[in-house]
Protein backbone atom coordinates (compact mmCIF):
# COMPACT_ATOMS: atom_id res chain seq x y z
CA MET A 1 17.30 -73.40 -20.88
CA PRO A 2 15.06 -76.48 -20.94
CA ASP A 3 16.40 -79.85 -22.02
CA THR A 4 15.82 -80.01 -25.78
CA ASN A 5 14.47 -83.54 -25.39
CA ARG A 6 11.65 -82.20 -23.18
CA ILE A 7 10.52 -79.26 -25.33
CA LEU A 8 6.84 -79.44 -26.28
CA GLY A 9 6.37 -76.00 -27.82
CA GLY A 10 7.92 -72.72 -28.76
CA ARG A 11 6.10 -70.34 -26.45
CA ALA A 12 3.83 -70.47 -23.40
CA ILE A 13 2.10 -67.38 -22.08
CA VAL A 14 1.17 -67.14 -18.42
CA LEU A 15 -1.42 -64.50 -17.52
CA GLY A 16 -0.75 -63.13 -14.04
CA ALA A 17 2.36 -62.96 -11.86
CA GLY A 18 0.79 -63.93 -8.56
CA ILE A 19 1.51 -67.15 -6.71
CA ALA A 20 -0.32 -69.31 -9.28
CA GLY A 21 1.34 -67.55 -12.20
CA LEU A 22 4.83 -67.86 -10.75
CA ALA A 23 4.40 -71.58 -10.02
CA THR A 24 2.93 -72.19 -13.47
CA ALA A 25 5.65 -70.23 -15.27
CA GLY A 26 8.28 -72.18 -13.36
CA VAL A 27 6.75 -75.44 -14.57
CA ALA A 28 6.29 -74.24 -18.15
CA SER A 29 9.92 -73.10 -18.39
CA SER A 30 10.99 -76.77 -18.46
CA TYR A 31 8.87 -77.57 -21.55
CA PHE A 32 8.83 -74.46 -23.75
CA ARG A 33 11.62 -72.57 -25.45
CA GLU A 34 10.13 -69.30 -24.23
CA VAL A 35 7.76 -68.37 -21.41
CA ILE A 36 6.22 -64.90 -21.19
CA VAL A 37 4.46 -63.83 -18.00
CA VAL A 38 1.98 -61.02 -18.61
CA GLU A 39 1.22 -58.87 -15.56
CA ARG A 40 -0.85 -55.68 -15.47
CA ASP A 41 0.87 -54.33 -12.36
CA LYS A 42 4.29 -52.75 -12.46
CA LEU A 43 6.10 -55.19 -10.21
CA PRO A 44 8.10 -53.76 -7.31
CA ALA A 45 11.84 -54.40 -7.00
CA GLN A 46 11.42 -55.08 -3.28
CA PRO A 47 8.76 -56.96 -1.29
CA GLN A 48 5.72 -54.70 -1.11
CA THR A 49 2.00 -54.86 -1.74
CA ARG A 50 0.64 -54.00 -5.18
CA PRO A 51 -2.76 -53.01 -6.63
CA GLY A 52 -3.37 -56.33 -8.39
CA VAL A 53 -3.25 -58.19 -5.08
CA PRO A 54 -5.64 -56.17 -2.88
CA GLN A 55 -5.55 -58.90 -0.23
CA GLY A 56 -1.74 -58.79 -0.18
CA GLN A 57 -1.37 -57.39 3.34
CA GLN A 58 -3.49 -60.14 4.88
CA ILE A 59 -1.91 -63.28 6.35
CA HIS A 60 -0.94 -65.84 3.71
CA ASN A 61 0.28 -69.22 4.95
CA LEU A 62 1.63 -71.67 2.39
CA LEU A 63 0.65 -75.19 3.41
CA ARG A 64 3.31 -77.91 3.48
CA PHE A 65 2.21 -79.28 0.10
CA GLY A 66 2.74 -75.85 -1.41
CA ILE A 67 6.20 -75.57 0.16
CA ASN A 68 7.12 -78.98 -1.26
CA ALA A 69 5.79 -77.94 -4.68
CA PHE A 70 7.88 -74.78 -4.80
CA GLU A 71 10.93 -76.73 -3.64
CA HIS A 72 10.34 -79.07 -6.60
CA ILE A 73 9.83 -76.25 -9.11
CA PHE A 74 12.62 -74.05 -7.74
CA PRO A 75 15.20 -76.23 -5.94
CA GLY A 76 16.54 -74.40 -2.89
CA PHE A 77 13.30 -72.46 -2.42
CA GLN A 78 13.16 -72.98 1.35
CA ASP A 79 16.73 -71.76 1.79
CA ARG A 80 15.90 -68.70 -0.32
CA LEU A 81 12.84 -67.96 1.79
CA THR A 82 14.80 -68.23 5.04
CA THR A 83 17.57 -66.03 3.66
CA GLN A 84 15.00 -63.40 2.70
CA GLY A 85 13.66 -63.38 6.27
CA GLY A 86 10.92 -66.02 6.34
CA VAL A 87 10.45 -67.44 9.85
CA LYS A 88 10.96 -71.20 9.95
CA ALA A 89 8.67 -72.94 12.44
CA ASP A 90 7.10 -76.28 13.32
CA TYR A 91 3.37 -76.01 12.69
CA GLY A 92 2.33 -78.59 15.28
CA LYS A 93 4.62 -77.24 17.98
CA ASP A 94 4.88 -73.49 17.33
CA MET A 95 1.33 -72.72 16.17
CA ARG A 96 -1.01 -72.40 19.15
CA VAL A 97 -4.60 -73.10 18.12
CA PHE A 98 -7.78 -72.46 20.12
CA THR A 99 -11.07 -73.85 18.77
CA ASN A 100 -14.26 -75.32 20.24
CA GLY A 101 -13.44 -73.76 23.58
CA VAL A 102 -10.07 -75.48 24.13
CA TRP A 103 -6.40 -75.05 23.29
CA HIS A 104 -5.04 -77.78 21.02
CA PRO A 105 -1.99 -79.69 22.30
CA GLN A 106 1.34 -78.49 20.93
CA ARG A 107 2.96 -81.55 19.37
CA ASP A 108 6.06 -81.90 17.25
CA PHE A 109 5.09 -83.76 14.06
CA GLY A 110 8.03 -82.49 12.03
CA LEU A 111 5.67 -80.34 9.96
CA THR A 112 7.99 -77.51 8.99
CA THR A 113 6.36 -74.32 7.79
CA TYR A 114 7.38 -70.73 7.10
CA PHE A 115 5.75 -67.50 8.25
CA GLN A 116 6.23 -64.37 6.14
CA SER A 117 4.25 -61.63 4.45
CA ARG A 118 2.62 -62.30 1.07
CA PRO A 119 4.85 -59.68 -0.62
CA LEU A 120 8.01 -61.41 0.65
CA LEU A 121 6.76 -64.82 -0.48
CA GLU A 122 5.89 -63.52 -3.94
CA HIS A 123 9.17 -61.62 -4.21
CA THR A 124 11.22 -64.70 -3.28
CA ILE A 125 9.51 -66.88 -5.89
CA ARG A 126 9.70 -64.15 -8.54
CA MET A 127 13.45 -63.76 -8.04
CA ALA A 128 13.90 -67.51 -8.55
CA LEU A 129 11.77 -67.44 -11.71
CA GLN A 130 13.69 -64.51 -13.19
CA GLU A 131 16.86 -66.59 -13.08
CA ARG A 132 15.40 -68.83 -15.80
CA PRO A 133 16.92 -67.53 -19.07
CA ASN A 134 13.89 -68.50 -21.14
CA VAL A 135 11.39 -66.60 -18.94
CA THR A 136 10.41 -62.97 -19.52
CA ILE A 137 8.06 -61.06 -17.23
CA ARG A 138 6.19 -58.32 -19.09
CA ASP A 139 4.97 -56.20 -16.20
CA GLY A 140 2.85 -53.08 -16.67
CA PHE A 141 1.39 -55.01 -19.61
CA GLY A 142 -2.39 -55.39 -19.50
CA PHE A 143 -4.24 -58.41 -20.86
CA GLU A 144 -7.11 -57.38 -23.16
CA SER A 145 -8.43 -60.50 -24.90
CA PHE A 146 -7.61 -63.91 -26.30
CA SER A 147 -6.61 -64.52 -29.89
CA ALA A 148 -8.53 -67.31 -31.61
CA ALA A 149 -7.37 -67.22 -35.22
CA ARG A 150 -7.56 -71.01 -35.41
CA PRO A 151 -11.04 -72.56 -35.04
CA GLY A 152 -11.47 -74.42 -31.78
CA ALA A 153 -8.30 -73.03 -30.25
CA ILE A 154 -6.77 -70.12 -28.38
CA ASP A 155 -3.47 -69.27 -30.03
CA GLY A 156 -2.36 -66.16 -28.21
CA VAL A 157 -3.36 -63.03 -26.34
CA ILE A 158 -3.86 -59.39 -27.16
CA CYS A 159 -2.31 -57.08 -24.59
CA ARG A 160 -1.95 -53.37 -24.08
CA ALA A 161 1.57 -52.06 -23.60
CA PRO A 162 2.37 -49.27 -21.10
CA GLY A 163 2.28 -46.71 -23.92
CA GLY A 164 -1.25 -47.73 -24.87
CA ALA A 165 -0.57 -49.69 -28.05
CA GLU A 166 -2.08 -53.14 -28.51
CA GLU A 167 0.23 -56.07 -29.11
CA LEU A 168 -0.54 -59.63 -30.22
CA LEU A 169 1.50 -62.35 -28.56
CA GLN A 170 1.10 -65.74 -30.18
CA ALA A 171 1.55 -68.92 -28.14
CA ASP A 172 1.34 -72.69 -28.23
CA LEU A 173 -0.24 -72.68 -24.77
CA VAL A 174 -1.99 -69.89 -22.83
CA LEU A 175 -2.28 -70.39 -19.07
CA ASP A 176 -4.82 -68.27 -17.20
CA CYS A 177 -3.54 -67.42 -13.71
CA MET A 178 -5.45 -64.13 -13.36
CA GLY A 179 -7.20 -65.27 -10.20
CA ARG A 180 -10.57 -64.03 -9.07
CA GLY A 181 -10.38 -61.28 -11.68
CA SER A 182 -10.31 -63.76 -14.55
CA HIS A 183 -13.18 -63.61 -17.06
CA SER A 184 -12.36 -66.87 -18.82
CA SER A 185 -15.55 -68.54 -17.61
CA GLU A 186 -17.61 -65.80 -19.28
CA MET A 187 -15.42 -66.02 -22.38
CA MET A 188 -16.37 -69.67 -22.84
CA GLY A 189 -20.03 -68.80 -23.17
CA LYS A 190 -19.44 -65.85 -25.48
CA THR A 191 -17.24 -67.81 -27.87
CA GLY A 192 -19.48 -70.84 -28.30
CA TYR A 193 -17.95 -73.34 -25.89
CA GLY A 194 -20.94 -73.22 -23.56
CA ASP A 195 -21.81 -71.64 -20.25
CA VAL A 196 -19.56 -72.70 -17.40
CA GLU A 197 -21.47 -74.07 -14.42
CA THR A 198 -20.31 -72.35 -11.24
CA GLN A 199 -20.90 -73.55 -7.70
CA ARG A 200 -21.07 -70.76 -5.14
CA ILE A 201 -21.30 -70.45 -1.36
CA GLY A 202 -22.04 -67.05 0.14
CA ILE A 203 -19.69 -66.59 3.11
CA GLN A 204 -19.65 -62.77 3.47
CA LEU A 205 -16.20 -62.77 5.01
CA VAL A 206 -14.33 -59.60 5.93
CA TYR A 207 -10.84 -59.74 7.32
CA ALA A 208 -8.47 -56.96 8.35
CA THR A 209 -4.76 -56.93 9.08
CA ALA A 210 -2.24 -54.73 10.84
CA PHE A 211 1.54 -55.06 10.98
CA PHE A 212 3.35 -54.58 14.30
CA ARG A 213 7.01 -54.36 15.30
CA LYS A 214 8.04 -56.87 17.96
CA SER A 215 9.37 -55.64 21.28
CA PRO A 216 13.03 -56.46 22.08
CA GLU A 217 11.80 -59.25 24.38
CA GLN A 218 9.72 -60.81 21.58
CA GLN A 219 12.43 -60.83 18.92
CA GLY A 220 13.40 -64.29 17.75
CA LYS A 221 10.14 -65.86 18.89
CA GLN A 222 8.50 -68.07 16.27
CA ASP A 223 5.21 -68.99 17.89
CA GLY A 224 1.94 -68.03 16.23
CA PHE A 225 -1.69 -68.00 17.37
CA LEU A 226 -5.04 -68.91 15.83
CA ILE A 227 -8.09 -68.20 17.98
CA LEU A 228 -11.64 -68.97 16.84
CA ASN A 229 -14.61 -67.82 18.86
CA HIS A 230 -17.27 -70.38 19.69
CA PHE A 231 -19.90 -71.02 16.99
CA PRO A 232 -22.17 -69.30 15.98
CA ASP A 233 -19.83 -66.37 16.74
CA THR A 234 -17.77 -66.16 13.53
CA ARG A 235 -15.00 -63.90 14.84
CA PHE A 236 -11.43 -65.15 14.67
CA GLY A 237 -7.90 -63.83 15.01
CA ALA A 238 -4.48 -64.99 13.83
CA LEU A 239 -1.03 -63.71 14.73
CA LEU A 240 2.14 -64.79 12.94
CA PRO A 241 5.79 -63.75 13.34
CA ILE A 242 7.17 -62.55 10.01
CA GLU A 243 10.29 -61.03 8.52
CA ASN A 244 12.08 -58.02 10.01
CA GLU A 245 11.02 -58.97 13.55
CA GLY A 246 7.41 -58.16 12.84
CA TYR A 247 4.02 -59.57 13.75
CA LEU A 248 1.17 -59.79 11.27
CA CYS A 249 -2.24 -59.80 12.93
CA THR A 250 -5.33 -60.71 10.93
CA LEU A 251 -8.85 -60.50 12.35
CA GLY A 252 -11.93 -61.76 10.58
CA GLY A 253 -15.62 -62.37 10.83
CA GLN A 254 -18.66 -63.12 8.73
CA PHE A 255 -22.04 -61.52 8.13
CA SER A 256 -22.49 -58.81 10.80
CA GLU A 257 -19.29 -59.57 12.74
CA HIS A 258 -16.75 -57.64 10.69
CA PRO A 259 -13.48 -56.30 12.14
CA PRO A 260 -13.15 -52.49 12.21
CA ARG A 261 -10.74 -50.69 9.92
CA GLU A 262 -9.49 -48.15 12.47
CA MET A 263 -6.93 -49.09 15.11
CA GLU A 264 -9.01 -48.45 18.23
CA GLY A 265 -11.80 -50.69 16.95
CA PHE A 266 -9.27 -53.23 15.67
CA MET A 267 -7.79 -53.57 19.15
CA ALA A 268 -11.25 -53.79 20.74
CA PHE A 269 -12.12 -56.63 18.33
CA THR A 270 -8.86 -58.37 19.30
CA ARG A 271 -9.69 -58.00 22.99
CA ALA A 272 -13.11 -59.60 22.36
CA LEU A 273 -11.60 -62.84 21.03
CA ALA A 274 -12.26 -65.96 23.08
CA GLN A 275 -8.72 -65.92 24.50
CA PRO A 276 -6.48 -62.95 25.37
CA GLU A 277 -3.13 -64.16 23.97
CA ILE A 278 -3.19 -62.19 20.70
CA TYR A 279 -4.32 -58.99 22.40
CA GLU A 280 -1.76 -59.33 25.17
CA THR A 281 1.00 -59.91 22.61
CA ILE A 282 0.32 -56.80 20.50
CA LYS A 283 -1.39 -54.29 22.83
CA ASP A 284 1.76 -52.25 23.53
CA LEU A 285 3.55 -52.70 20.20
CA GLU A 286 4.37 -50.10 17.58
CA VAL A 287 2.05 -50.22 14.56
CA MET A 288 4.13 -50.35 11.37
CA GLN A 289 1.29 -50.33 8.83
CA PRO A 290 -2.30 -49.18 9.29
CA VAL A 291 -5.22 -51.58 9.20
CA LYS A 292 -6.20 -52.81 5.74
CA ALA A 293 -9.39 -54.78 5.18
CA TYR A 294 -10.53 -57.11 2.42
CA ARG A 295 -14.07 -58.29 1.71
CA LEU A 296 -14.80 -61.69 0.20
CA PRO A 297 -18.51 -62.33 -0.40
CA GLN A 298 -18.31 -65.88 -1.73
CA ALA A 299 -16.37 -69.04 -2.44
CA PHE A 300 -16.79 -70.39 -5.97
CA TRP A 301 -15.77 -73.22 -8.28
CA HIS A 302 -15.94 -72.92 -12.08
CA ARG A 303 -16.71 -76.37 -13.47
CA TYR A 304 -14.67 -76.25 -16.67
CA ASP A 305 -14.53 -80.03 -16.49
CA LYS A 306 -18.25 -80.23 -17.34
CA LEU A 307 -18.00 -78.38 -20.66
CA ALA A 308 -18.71 -80.51 -23.71
CA HIS A 309 -16.27 -78.43 -25.79
CA PHE A 310 -13.07 -76.71 -24.72
CA PRO A 311 -10.47 -74.75 -26.70
CA GLU A 312 -7.10 -76.23 -27.56
CA GLY A 313 -4.09 -74.28 -26.34
CA PHE A 314 -5.66 -72.98 -23.13
CA LEU A 315 -5.78 -74.02 -19.46
CA PRO A 316 -7.02 -72.24 -16.31
CA LEU A 317 -5.12 -72.48 -13.00
CA GLY A 318 -5.25 -71.09 -9.46
CA ASP A 319 -8.19 -68.92 -8.47
CA SER A 320 -9.22 -68.77 -12.12
CA VAL A 321 -10.59 -72.24 -11.41
CA ALA A 322 -11.84 -71.91 -7.83
CA GLY A 323 -11.74 -69.30 -5.09
CA TYR A 324 -11.82 -70.82 -1.63
CA ASN A 325 -12.55 -69.41 1.81
CA PRO A 326 -9.20 -67.78 2.72
CA ALA A 327 -9.78 -68.47 6.40
CA LEU A 328 -8.98 -72.10 5.57
CA GLY A 329 -5.64 -71.26 3.92
CA GLN A 330 -6.23 -73.45 0.86
CA GLY A 331 -5.86 -71.03 -2.06
CA MET A 332 -2.12 -70.73 -2.68
CA SER A 333 -1.47 -74.41 -2.10
CA MET A 334 -4.32 -75.42 -4.42
CA ALA A 335 -2.65 -73.28 -7.08
CA THR A 336 0.53 -75.32 -6.64
CA LYS A 337 -1.51 -78.52 -6.90
CA TYR A 338 -2.75 -77.50 -10.34
CA ALA A 339 0.81 -76.52 -11.35
CA MET A 340 2.16 -79.90 -10.23
CA ILE A 341 -0.57 -81.70 -12.20
CA LEU A 342 0.45 -79.67 -15.26
CA ASP A 343 4.08 -80.59 -14.64
CA GLU A 344 3.24 -84.29 -14.44
CA LEU A 345 1.18 -84.22 -17.63
CA LEU A 346 3.76 -82.25 -19.62
CA ALA A 347 6.55 -84.53 -18.41
CA GLY A 348 4.56 -87.55 -19.57
CA ARG A 349 3.97 -86.05 -23.00
CA ALA A 350 7.61 -85.02 -23.34
CA LYS A 351 8.62 -88.62 -22.60
CA THR A 352 6.21 -90.17 -25.08
CA GLY A 353 6.35 -87.46 -27.74
CA GLY A 354 2.65 -86.82 -27.31
CA GLY A 355 2.73 -83.08 -27.95
CA LEU A 356 0.12 -80.66 -26.62
CA LYS A 357 -2.96 -81.79 -28.52
CA ASN A 358 -5.99 -82.48 -26.28
CA LEU A 359 -3.98 -81.66 -23.14
CA TYR A 360 -7.14 -80.27 -21.56
CA THR A 361 -8.83 -83.72 -21.73
CA GLU A 362 -6.31 -85.00 -19.17
CA TYR A 363 -5.83 -81.79 -17.21
CA LEU A 364 -9.41 -80.73 -16.48
CA PRO A 365 -10.56 -84.00 -14.86
CA ARG A 366 -7.40 -84.10 -12.73
CA ILE A 367 -7.79 -80.58 -11.33
CA ALA A 368 -11.54 -81.17 -10.88
CA ALA A 369 -10.78 -84.12 -8.59
CA GLU A 370 -8.44 -81.97 -6.48
CA ALA A 371 -10.88 -79.07 -6.41
CA GLN A 372 -13.69 -81.43 -5.41
CA SER A 373 -11.66 -82.69 -2.44
CA ALA A 374 -10.87 -79.18 -1.20
CA TRP A 375 -14.41 -77.92 -1.85
CA GLU A 376 -16.09 -80.81 -0.06
CA SER A 377 -13.76 -80.66 2.94
CA ALA A 378 -14.65 -76.99 3.43
CA ILE A 379 -18.44 -77.38 3.13
CA PRO A 380 -19.11 -78.05 6.85
CA ILE A 381 -17.25 -74.86 7.76
CA ASN A 382 -18.63 -72.75 4.91
CA LEU A 383 -22.27 -73.78 5.38
CA ALA A 384 -22.44 -74.20 9.16
CA HIS A 385 -23.78 -70.70 9.76
CA PRO A 386 -27.48 -70.23 8.94
CA GLU A 387 -26.76 -66.99 7.06
CA ALA A 388 -24.41 -68.73 4.62
CA THR A 389 -26.00 -69.33 1.22
CA GLY A 390 -25.52 -72.40 -0.95
CA ASP A 391 -26.81 -75.90 -1.51
CA ARG A 392 -26.97 -77.84 1.75
CA SER A 393 -26.81 -81.60 1.34
CA ALA A 394 -28.97 -83.93 3.41
CA ASP A 395 -25.91 -85.18 5.31
CA LEU A 396 -24.66 -81.72 6.35
CA LYS A 397 -25.68 -82.24 9.98
CA GLN A 398 -23.73 -85.51 10.12
CA ARG A 399 -20.71 -83.86 8.52
CA LEU A 400 -20.83 -81.06 11.09
CA LEU A 401 -20.97 -83.61 13.90
CA PHE A 402 -18.01 -85.48 12.41
CA MET A 403 -16.00 -82.26 12.10
CA LYS A 404 -16.71 -81.51 15.77
CA GLY A 405 -15.89 -85.07 16.82
CA ILE A 406 -12.64 -85.31 14.89
CA GLY A 407 -11.52 -82.07 16.51
CA LEU A 408 -12.25 -83.44 19.97
CA LEU A 409 -10.62 -86.78 19.19
CA SER A 410 -7.44 -85.06 17.99
CA LEU A 411 -7.07 -83.49 21.43
CA GLU A 412 -6.64 -86.87 23.10
CA ASP A 413 -5.23 -89.02 20.28
CA GLU A 414 -1.83 -87.91 18.99
CA GLU A 415 -2.01 -90.05 15.85
CA VAL A 416 -5.40 -88.61 14.87
CA HIS A 417 -4.02 -85.12 15.51
CA ARG A 418 -1.10 -85.89 13.19
CA LEU A 419 -3.46 -87.12 10.47
CA VAL A 420 -5.70 -84.06 10.83
CA LEU A 421 -2.73 -81.75 10.28
CA ARG A 422 -1.44 -83.78 7.35
CA VAL A 423 -4.88 -83.63 5.71
CA ARG A 424 -5.06 -79.90 6.36
CA HIS A 425 -1.65 -79.45 4.69
CA PHE A 426 -2.69 -81.56 1.66
CA LEU A 427 -0.18 -84.28 2.51
CA GLU A 428 -2.87 -86.94 2.95
CA PRO A 429 -6.33 -87.32 1.39
CA PRO A 430 -9.35 -86.66 3.65
CA SER A 431 -10.20 -90.35 3.34
CA VAL A 432 -7.48 -91.25 5.90
CA LEU A 433 -9.81 -89.84 8.57
CA LEU A 434 -12.67 -92.08 7.45
CA ARG A 435 -11.28 -95.28 8.93
CA GLU A 436 -14.07 -97.08 10.73
CA ASP A 437 -12.40 -96.86 14.15
CA ILE A 438 -11.74 -93.13 13.77
CA VAL A 439 -15.29 -92.37 12.60
CA THR A 440 -16.83 -94.39 15.43
CA ARG A 441 -14.77 -92.69 18.12
CA ALA A 442 -15.24 -89.21 16.62
CA MET A 443 -19.03 -89.52 16.38
CA ALA A 444 -19.22 -90.84 19.96
CA LEU A 445 -17.48 -87.68 21.17
CA ALA A 446 -19.61 -85.36 19.02
CA VAL A 447 -23.05 -86.33 20.35
């Protein structure tokens, strides 16, 4: 149970039991007497994909910031993940990356990461959350609408139980972690808070994944591969070792370069990557699960921070705020960033006795700053292709040149390489790469 001196409310409701929901519920359990997680899916007892996470079979890599966040929320998380079968690796040394026509140097920066399937990751976190005595997961329980009995506030949710009956759950704080399926932005307009401005970039990404069993000779190996074809070819492939001596292979492409959904075409797409390593690794392996594809037409960012009015008792988190290009691996770790901001703000209010009133006035600007950083850092990649749709700033060409130059500089300069990886894993702000000496050298290599 939470420390009575830290309690800010009687009940918090978390909508959604995905990665964002689990992180958020873990945070909320330290500040509320009761936390209820509402999840439409019937959650499996073992690690397996589920309907509410249609992208669940695809590769999901938690960045180092996200790992640190879960270790903070659930102490011992990394040990749990390893015990469950997650493959511990050094990202700089064990992940082989090919971009811009060259292999990146393998360097040991002490950047520990874990490779596993999304279902195993979710299962491991969920098991940790269920050990909290004040947390209840109501699975098979569908969210229907918000309750707004008090003017200017959301004070609960109306859900539909498995038998079909509606049930009102009242709460001091409702946390929307329903992801890309959330309709909270539309709800704001319909209930008088104003239309939510949404920034969108059309990326037309399709990615497909198959699961392979390692050969006896490959068992125990922890090296992974990321191979990107040369622009404007958008095809890419990634291969990661995961639990149960398996390999997860994800292929992707944009616009007209989509990976096939049948195995023969999947293997042909793999063979057409710029380097043969992924194909050579999996070509003779047993296929454990058939190819599953997922289509993502756009990246988006709901600008809740720009609303003039916002309801008390409600906060959005995870992909309910912004959905990023999954090829960049930002989504899950951004969800933990929002959860950690919530933790910091609630801890501050518990210390000062500030309560929950006007929590959104602190929370929304903080998550907007983090979302802005992630959104801006991805713009050169998201808008590089001429078929991508979205607002192109006047400095896009310069930003593309800098992205190219910083990649080339990291090949020869170990310290720049270390900074690039730390920025990518949200351990440093992008501004660390904007030192005058770094910019000058990067731009000289790019032109």
